[in-house]
Amino acid sequence: MDVRERDVPKTDEVTAERISAARRRKSVVREYAEAIAIAILLALVIRTLIIQAFTIPSGSMMDTLLVGDYILVNKFLYGPELPFTDHRLPSFRHPARGDIIVFKYPQDEKRDFIKRIIGTPGDTVQVRGDQVFVNGTALVEPYVRRLDGAFDRAQPTYCGYAYACEPTVVPSDSYFVMGDNRNNSQDSRYWGFVRKDKIKGKAFLIYWSWDSDRHWLRWWRLARYIP
């Protein structure tokens, strides 16, 4: 049986088709690689400059924050630190009293702590028993977890801390911070002030919460705003 020439692909046509297919495959691979690279770059930029996720490992901020809460921290608000430099971007505002902040622990900067700002630069802070005074005025703190019997109510002037037993002025560019669970919190009462340049950002949202003791999701805490 004769085989006509038109039924047999020419060598150069086959080669061209193979080259075209290889180019298409490379184009697809390149598109995926570029998309992945862009996604990674955006994630790094967001994590470094805008928002970072943290987990609450201890009960020092109970009942505002519980062990197993996963939170988002706004790093852009106070002016994020530029990677590999000592410089920061301009801030929208300064940290304020009542803000819950994540910062580098002064005694070990590899660790991150989370506390509430009580005293801002220039404030005079004093702690007596379970009462905190700022600039001579007793703070009203509905967020504080108080345990009966934790302090000697008969001695309202009691103070056994390293800082703020006497009126203490907060240095410039520094903050006095305390945990909401005052009976179980290592904070400025024990190790002093937090410098502004060590603050990573302000906590603003609980996006997940897991009770490891009961092995159960705390669904009522999801998407809870942190004022």
C-alpha atoms as a PDB file:
ATOM      1  CA  MET A   1       0.000   0.000   0.000  1.00  0.00           C
ATOM      2  CA  ASP A   2       1.385   3.354  -0.987  1.00  0.00           C
ATOM      3  CA  VAL A   3       1.883   5.964   1.626  1.00  0.00           C
ATOM      4  CA  ARG A   4       1.425   9.460   0.387  1.00  0.00           C
ATOM      5  CA  GLU A   5       3.871  12.128   1.367  1.00  0.00           C
ATOM      6  CA  ARG A   6       1.175  14.362   2.866  1.00  0.00           C
ATOM      7  CA  ASP A   7       0.352  11.710   5.509  1.00  0.00           C
ATOM      8  CA  VAL A   8       3.858  11.838   7.000  1.00  0.00           C
ATOM      9  CA  PRO A   9       4.689  14.919   9.090  1.00  0.00           C
ATOM     10  CA  LYS A  10       7.818  16.625   7.992  1.00  0.00           C
ATOM     11  CA  THR A  11      10.754  16.666  10.391  1.00  0.00           C
ATOM     12  CA  ASP A  12      10.838  20.435  10.711  1.00  0.00           C
ATOM     13  CA  GLU A  13       7.088  20.543  11.480  1.00  0.00           C
ATOM     14  CA  VAL A  14       7.460  17.953  14.246  1.00  0.00           C
ATOM     15  CA  THR A  15      10.379  19.855  15.694  1.00  0.00           C
ATOM     16  CA  ALA A  16       8.425  23.103  15.628  1.00  0.00           C
ATOM     17  CA  GLU A  17       5.480  21.510  17.439  1.00  0.00           C
ATOM     18  CA  ARG A  18       7.764  20.098  20.103  1.00  0.00           C
ATOM     19  CA  ILE A  19       9.439  23.466  20.620  1.00  0.00           C
ATOM     20  CA  SER A  20       6.048  25.176  20.844  1.00  0.00           C
ATOM     21  CA  ALA A  21       4.801  22.649  23.429  1.00  0.00           C
ATOM     22  CA  ALA A  22       7.971  23.053  25.478  1.00  0.00           C
ATOM     23  CA  ARG A  23       7.549  26.812  25.431  1.00  0.00           C
ATOM     24  CA  ARG A  24       3.949  26.507  26.592  1.00  0.00           C
ATOM     25  CA  ARG A  25       5.012  24.260  29.459  1.00  0.00           C
ATOM     26  CA  LYS A  26       7.752  26.697  30.458  1.00  0.00           C
ATOM     27  CA  SER A  27       5.288  29.567  30.254  1.00  0.00           C
ATOM     28  CA  VAL A  28       2.844  27.809  32.587  1.00  0.00           C
ATOM     29  CA  VAL A  29       5.607  26.886  35.039  1.00  0.00           C
ATOM     30  CA  ARG A  30       6.903  30.450  34.942  1.00  0.00           C
ATOM     31  CA  GLU A  31       3.436  31.884  35.616  1.00  0.00           C
ATOM     32  CA  TYR A  32       2.955  29.617  38.630  1.00  0.00           C
ATOM     33  CA  ALA A  33       6.447  30.414  39.921  1.00  0.00           C
ATOM     34  CA  GLU A  34       5.865  34.150  39.558  1.00  0.00           C
ATOM     35  CA  ALA A  35       2.469  33.915  41.280  1.00  0.00           C
ATOM     36  CA  ILE A  36       3.968  31.960  44.190  1.00  0.00           C
ATOM     37  CA  ALA A  37       6.898  34.377  44.492  1.00  0.00           C
ATOM     38  CA  ILE A  38       4.568  37.398  44.520  1.00  0.00           C
ATOM     39  CA  ALA A  39       2.316  35.754  47.130  1.00  0.00           C
ATOM     40  CA  ILE A  40       5.314  35.003  49.374  1.00  0.00           C
ATOM     41  CA  LEU A  41       6.632  38.552  48.965  1.00  0.00           C
ATOM     42  CA  LEU A  42       3.241  40.068  49.820  1.00  0.00           C
ATOM     43  CA  ALA A  43       2.915  37.798  52.871  1.00  0.00           C
ATOM     44  CA  LEU A  44       6.363  38.880  54.095  1.00  0.00           C
ATOM     45  CA  VAL A  45       5.558  42.561  53.563  1.00  0.00           C
ATOM     46  CA  ILE A  46       2.214  42.235  55.378  1.00  0.00           C
ATOM     47  CA  ARG A  47       3.783  40.303  58.266  1.00  0.00           C
ATOM     48  CA  THR A  48       6.717  42.690  58.593  1.00  0.00           C
ATOM     49  CA  LEU A  49       4.996  46.033  58.145  1.00  0.00           C
ATOM     50  CA  ILE A  50       1.242  45.702  58.600  1.00  0.00           C
ATOM     51  CA  ILE A  51      -0.254  42.743  60.511  1.00  0.00           C
ATOM     52  CA  GLN A  52       1.254  39.823  62.417  1.00  0.00           C
ATOM     53  CA  ALA A  53      -0.400  36.887  64.137  1.00  0.00           C
ATOM     54  CA  PHE A  54       0.462  35.817  67.695  1.00  0.00           C
ATOM     55  CA  THR A  55      -0.710  33.139  70.120  1.00  0.00           C
ATOM     56  CA  ILE A  56      -1.503  33.738  73.793  1.00  0.00           C
ATOM     57  CA  PRO A  57       0.546  31.172  75.792  1.00  0.00           C
ATOM     58  CA  SER A  58      -0.172  32.275  79.375  1.00  0.00           C
ATOM     59  CA  GLY A  59      -2.944  33.612  81.574  1.00  0.00           C
ATOM     60  CA  SER A  60      -1.406  37.007  82.394  1.00  0.00           C
ATOM     61  CA  MET A  61      -4.080  38.865  80.380  1.00  0.00           C
ATOM     62  CA  MET A  62      -7.126  36.917  81.591  1.00  0.00           C
ATOM     63  CA  ASP A  63      -9.993  37.417  81.223  1.00  0.00           C
ATOM     64  CA  THR A  64      -9.452  39.793  78.325  1.00  0.00           C
ATOM     65  CA  LEU A  65      -7.258  37.261  76.523  1.00  0.00           C
ATOM     66  CA  LEU A  66      -7.265  33.538  77.246  1.00  0.00           C
ATOM     67  CA  VAL A  67      -4.644  30.851  76.775  1.00  0.00           C
ATOM     68  CA  GLY A  68      -5.174  29.531  73.265  1.00  0.00           C
ATOM     69  CA  ASP A  69      -6.416  32.785  71.770  1.00  0.00           C
ATOM     70  CA  TYR A  70      -4.910  33.597  68.386  1.00  0.00           C
ATOM     71  CA  ILE A  71      -4.707  37.326  67.807  1.00  0.00           C
ATOM     72  CA  LEU A  72      -3.803  39.808  65.092  1.00  0.00           C
ATOM     73  CA  VAL A  73      -1.538  42.728  65.879  1.00  0.00           C
ATOM     74  CA  ASN A  74      -1.548  46.018  63.973  1.00  0.00           C
ATOM     75  CA  LYS A  75       2.116  46.883  63.376  1.00  0.00           C
ATOM     76  CA  PHE A  76       1.404  49.802  61.062  1.00  0.00           C
ATOM     77  CA  LEU A  77      -0.365  51.930  63.682  1.00  0.00           C
ATOM     78  CA  TYR A  78       2.726  52.839  65.708  1.00  0.00           C
ATOM     79  CA  GLY A  79       5.113  52.889  62.745  1.00  0.00           C
ATOM     80  CA  PRO A  80       6.644  49.507  61.813  1.00  0.00           C
ATOM     81  CA  GLU A  81      10.346  48.836  62.071  1.00  0.00           C
ATOM     82  CA  LEU A  82      12.062  48.501  58.698  1.00  0.00           C
ATOM     83  CA  PRO A  83      13.825  45.124  58.318  1.00  0.00           C
ATOM     84  CA  PHE A  84      17.590  45.067  58.942  1.00  0.00           C
ATOM     85  CA  THR A  85      17.596  48.711  60.065  1.00  0.00           C
ATOM     86  CA  ASP A  86      17.003  50.785  63.184  1.00  0.00           C
ATOM     87  CA  HIS A  87      14.531  53.015  61.368  1.00  0.00           C
ATOM     88  CA  ARG A  88      10.746  53.051  61.498  1.00  0.00           C
ATOM     89  CA  LEU A  89       8.023  54.276  59.178  1.00  0.00           C
ATOM     90  CA  PRO A  90       5.927  57.253  60.377  1.00  0.00           C
ATOM     91  CA  SER A  91       3.227  56.297  62.885  1.00  0.00           C
ATOM     92  CA  PHE A  92      -0.473  57.153  62.781  1.00  0.00           C
ATOM     93  CA  ARG A  93      -0.486  57.756  66.539  1.00  0.00           C
ATOM     94  CA  HIS A  94       1.515  57.092  69.685  1.00  0.00           C
ATOM     95  CA  PRO A  95       0.717  54.190  72.030  1.00  0.00           C
ATOM     96  CA  ALA A  96      -1.961  55.272  74.511  1.00  0.00           C
ATOM     97  CA  ARG A  97      -3.067  54.241  77.980  1.00  0.00           C
ATOM     98  CA  GLY A  98      -5.343  51.227  77.699  1.00  0.00           C
ATOM     99  CA  ASP A  99      -3.774  49.866  74.497  1.00  0.00           C
ATOM    100  CA  ILE A 100      -2.910  46.167  74.598  1.00  0.00           C
ATOM    101  CA  ILE A 101       0.504  45.851  73.002  1.00  0.00           C
ATOM    102  CA  VAL A 102       2.956  43.159  71.938  1.00  0.00           C
ATOM    103  CA  PHE A 103       6.585  44.029  72.627  1.00  0.00           C
ATOM    104  CA  LYS A 104      10.045  42.546  73.009  1.00  0.00           C
ATOM    105  CA  TYR A 105      10.542  41.416  76.591  1.00  0.00           C
ATOM    106  CA  PRO A 106      13.210  43.773  78.015  1.00  0.00           C
ATOM    107  CA  GLN A 107      15.115  40.986  79.766  1.00  0.00           C
ATOM    108  CA  ASP A 108      15.108  38.667  76.724  1.00  0.00           C
ATOM    109  CA  GLU A 109      14.274  40.327  73.418  1.00  0.00           C
ATOM    110  CA  LYS A 110      13.878  36.968  71.677  1.00  0.00           C
ATOM    111  CA  ARG A 111      10.597  36.610  73.577  1.00  0.00           C
ATOM    112  CA  ASP A 112       7.408  38.525  72.884  1.00  0.00           C
ATOM    113  CA  PHE A 113       5.178  39.726  75.732  1.00  0.00           C
ATOM    114  CA  ILE A 114       1.669  41.143  75.660  1.00  0.00           C
ATOM    115  CA  LYS A 115       0.395  43.609  78.289  1.00  0.00           C
ATOM    116  CA  ARG A 116      -1.795  46.681  78.690  1.00  0.00           C
ATOM    117  CA  ILE A 117      -0.331  50.189  78.789  1.00  0.00           C
ATOM    118  CA  ILE A 118      -0.974  51.846  82.147  1.00  0.00           C
ATOM    119  CA  GLY A 119       1.488  54.731  82.109  1.00  0.00           C
ATOM    120  CA  THR A 120       2.692  56.814  79.157  1.00  0.00           C
ATOM    121  CA  PRO A 121       5.805  59.035  78.964  1.00  0.00           C
ATOM    122  CA  GLY A 122       5.769  61.625  81.740  1.00  0.00           C
ATOM    123  CA  ASP A 123       3.006  59.947  83.766  1.00  0.00           C
ATOM    124  CA  THR A 124       3.506  59.330  87.471  1.00  0.00           C
ATOM    125  CA  VAL A 125       2.477  55.769  88.365  1.00  0.00           C
ATOM    126  CA  GLN A 126       2.000  54.302  91.836  1.00  0.00           C
ATOM    127  CA  VAL A 127       0.660  50.890  92.935  1.00  0.00           C
ATOM    128  CA  ARG A 128      -0.909  50.356  96.346  1.00  0.00           C
ATOM    129  CA  GLY A 129      -2.507  47.009  97.090  1.00  0.00           C
ATOM    130  CA  ASP A 130      -4.771  46.259  94.148  1.00  0.00           C
ATOM    131  CA  GLN A 131      -5.202  49.923  93.217  1.00  0.00           C
ATOM    132  CA  VAL A 132      -3.200  51.754  90.543  1.00  0.00           C
ATOM    133  CA  PHE A 133      -2.807  55.530  90.599  1.00  0.00           C
ATOM    134  CA  VAL A 134      -1.756  57.577  87.592  1.00  0.00           C
ATOM    135  CA  ASN A 135      -0.896  61.224  88.159  1.00  0.00           C
ATOM    136  CA  GLY A 136      -2.501  60.945  91.584  1.00  0.00           C
ATOM    137  CA  THR A 137      -5.839  59.638  90.311  1.00  0.00           C
ATOM    138  CA  ALA A 138      -7.056  56.098  90.962  1.00  0.00           C
ATOM    139  CA  LEU A 139      -7.625  54.229  87.704  1.00  0.00           C
ATOM    140  CA  VAL A 140     -11.002  52.620  87.057  1.00  0.00           C
ATOM    141  CA  GLU A 141     -10.136  49.271  85.515  1.00  0.00           C
ATOM    142  CA  PRO A 142     -13.162  47.061  84.774  1.00  0.00           C
ATOM    143  CA  TYR A 143     -10.955  44.743  82.681  1.00  0.00           C
ATOM    144  CA  VAL A 144      -8.822  43.659  85.661  1.00  0.00           C
ATOM    145  CA  ARG A 145      -9.272  40.130  86.999  1.00  0.00           C
ATOM    146  CA  ARG A 146      -9.383  40.296  90.779  1.00  0.00           C
ATOM    147  CA  LEU A 147      -9.223  37.309  93.104  1.00  0.00           C
ATOM    148  CA  ASP A 148     -10.550  37.521  96.642  1.00  0.00           C
ATOM    149  CA  GLY A 149      -7.813  37.148  99.207  1.00  0.00           C
ATOM    150  CA  ALA A 150      -4.993  37.867  96.772  1.00  0.00           C
ATOM    151  CA  PHE A 151      -4.178  41.104  98.575  1.00  0.00           C
ATOM    152  CA  ASP A 152      -4.423  41.988 102.214  1.00  0.00           C
ATOM    153  CA  ARG A 153      -7.451  44.298 102.178  1.00  0.00           C
ATOM    154  CA  ALA A 154      -6.594  45.403 105.725  1.00  0.00           C
ATOM    155  CA  GLN A 155      -3.368  46.936 104.398  1.00  0.00           C
ATOM    156  CA  PRO A 156      -4.315  49.063 101.400  1.00  0.00           C
ATOM    157  CA  THR A 157      -0.848  50.619 101.312  1.00  0.00           C
ATOM    158  CA  TYR A 158       0.898  47.267 100.822  1.00  0.00           C
ATOM    159  CA  CYS A 159       3.370  47.080  97.942  1.00  0.00           C
ATOM    160  CA  GLY A 160       6.041  44.452  97.405  1.00  0.00           C
ATOM    161  CA  TYR A 161       7.111  45.280  93.850  1.00  0.00           C
ATOM    162  CA  ALA A 162      10.400  46.558  92.466  1.00  0.00           C
ATOM    163  CA  TYR A 163       8.754  49.472  90.627  1.00  0.00           C
ATOM    164  CA  ALA A 164       5.944  51.938  91.379  1.00  0.00           C
ATOM    165  CA  CYS A 165       5.585  51.301  95.104  1.00  0.00           C
ATOM    166  CA  GLU A 166       6.388  54.983  95.377  1.00  0.00           C
ATOM    167  CA  PRO A 167       5.273  57.567  92.789  1.00  0.00           C
ATOM    168  CA  THR A 168       7.355  56.720  89.736  1.00  0.00           C
ATOM    169  CA  VAL A 169       7.697  58.904  86.634  1.00  0.00           C
ATOM    170  CA  VAL A 170       7.636  57.041  83.314  1.00  0.00           C
ATOM    171  CA  PRO A 171      10.712  58.049  81.249  1.00  0.00           C
ATOM    172  CA  SER A 172      10.407  59.645  77.831  1.00  0.00           C
ATOM    173  CA  ASP A 173       9.774  57.187  74.970  1.00  0.00           C
ATOM    174  CA  SER A 174       8.883  54.502  77.534  1.00  0.00           C
ATOM    175  CA  TYR A 175       5.722  52.892  78.919  1.00  0.00           C
ATOM    176  CA  PHE A 176       4.575  51.245  82.137  1.00  0.00           C
ATOM    177  CA  VAL A 177       2.624  48.078  81.334  1.00  0.00           C
ATOM    178  CA  MET A 178       0.641  45.575  83.398  1.00  0.00           C
ATOM    179  CA  GLY A 179      -1.286  42.381  82.794  1.00  0.00           C
ATOM    180  CA  ASP A 180      -5.046  42.322  83.334  1.00  0.00           C
ATOM    181  CA  ASN A 181      -4.610  39.268  85.550  1.00  0.00           C
ATOM    182  CA  ARG A 182      -2.764  41.285  88.170  1.00  0.00           C
ATOM    183  CA  ASN A 183      -2.159  38.343  90.514  1.00  0.00           C
ATOM    184  CA  ASN A 184      -0.409  36.336  87.801  1.00  0.00           C
ATOM    185  CA  SER A 185       1.516  38.741  85.618  1.00  0.00           C
ATOM    186  CA  GLN A 186       5.204  39.489  85.234  1.00  0.00           C
ATOM    187  CA  ASP A 187       5.108  43.110  84.126  1.00  0.00           C
ATOM    188  CA  SER A 188       6.543  46.585  84.705  1.00  0.00           C
ATOM    189  CA  ARG A 189       6.074  46.200  88.456  1.00  0.00           C
ATOM    190  CA  TYR A 190       8.906  43.643  88.392  1.00  0.00           C
ATOM    191  CA  TRP A 191      11.227  44.534  85.495  1.00  0.00           C
ATOM    192  CA  GLY A 192      10.570  48.174  84.640  1.00  0.00           C
ATOM    193  CA  PHE A 193       9.564  50.060  81.526  1.00  0.00           C
ATOM    194  CA  VAL A 194       9.033  49.170  77.872  1.00  0.00           C
ATOM    195  CA  ARG A 195      10.803  51.394  75.365  1.00  0.00           C
ATOM    196  CA  LYS A 196       8.745  52.604  72.439  1.00  0.00           C
ATOM    197  CA  ASP A 197      11.165  51.176  69.877  1.00  0.00           C
ATOM    198  CA  LYS A 198      10.607  47.698  71.355  1.00  0.00           C
ATOM    199  CA  ILE A 199       6.838  47.760  70.773  1.00  0.00           C
ATOM    200  CA  LYS A 200       5.763  45.576  67.844  1.00  0.00           C
ATOM    201  CA  GLY A 201       2.152  46.689  67.608  1.00  0.00           C
ATOM    202  CA  LYS A 202      -1.345  46.883  69.055  1.00  0.00           C
ATOM    203  CA  ALA A 203      -3.542  43.795  69.441  1.00  0.00           C
ATOM    204  CA  PHE A 204      -6.905  44.359  67.742  1.00  0.00           C
ATOM    205  CA  LEU A 205      -8.604  41.048  66.881  1.00  0.00           C
ATOM    206  CA  ILE A 206      -9.049  37.478  68.147  1.00  0.00           C
ATOM    207  CA  TYR A 207      -9.374  35.394  64.985  1.00  0.00           C
ATOM    208  CA  TRP A 208      -9.238  31.917  66.567  1.00  0.00           C
ATOM    209  CA  SER A 209      -9.492  30.473  70.059  1.00  0.00           C
ATOM    210  CA  TRP A 210      -8.817  26.912  71.132  1.00  0.00           C
ATOM    211  CA  ASP A 211      -9.421  25.474  74.600  1.00  0.00           C
ATOM    212  CA  SER A 212      -6.689  22.842  74.898  1.00  0.00           C
ATOM    213  CA  ASP A 213      -8.052  21.545  78.214  1.00  0.00           C
ATOM    214  CA  ARG A 214     -11.462  20.706  76.776  1.00  0.00           C
ATOM    215  CA  HIS A 215     -10.189  20.193  73.217  1.00  0.00           C
ATOM    216  CA  TRP A 216     -12.877  22.501  71.955  1.00  0.00           C
ATOM    217  CA  LEU A 217     -13.195  25.605  69.821  1.00  0.00           C
ATOM    218  CA  ARG A 218     -14.314  28.730  71.666  1.00  0.00           C
ATOM    219  CA  TRP A 219     -16.527  29.807  68.780  1.00  0.00           C
ATOM    220  CA  TRP A 220     -18.002  32.764  70.716  1.00  0.00           C
ATOM    221  CA  ARG A 221     -14.547  34.406  70.775  1.00  0.00           C
ATOM    222  CA  LEU A 222     -13.971  34.242  67.012  1.00  0.00           C
ATOM    223  CA  ALA A 223     -13.626  37.601  65.262  1.00  0.00           C
ATOM    224  CA  ARG A 224     -13.784  39.412  68.603  1.00  0.00           C
ATOM    225  CA  TYR A 225     -12.469  42.957  68.462  1.00  0.00           C
ATOM    226  CA  ILE A 226      -9.876  43.942  71.071  1.00  0.00           C
ATOM    227  CA  PRO A 227     -10.375  47.646  71.977  1.00  0.00           C
END
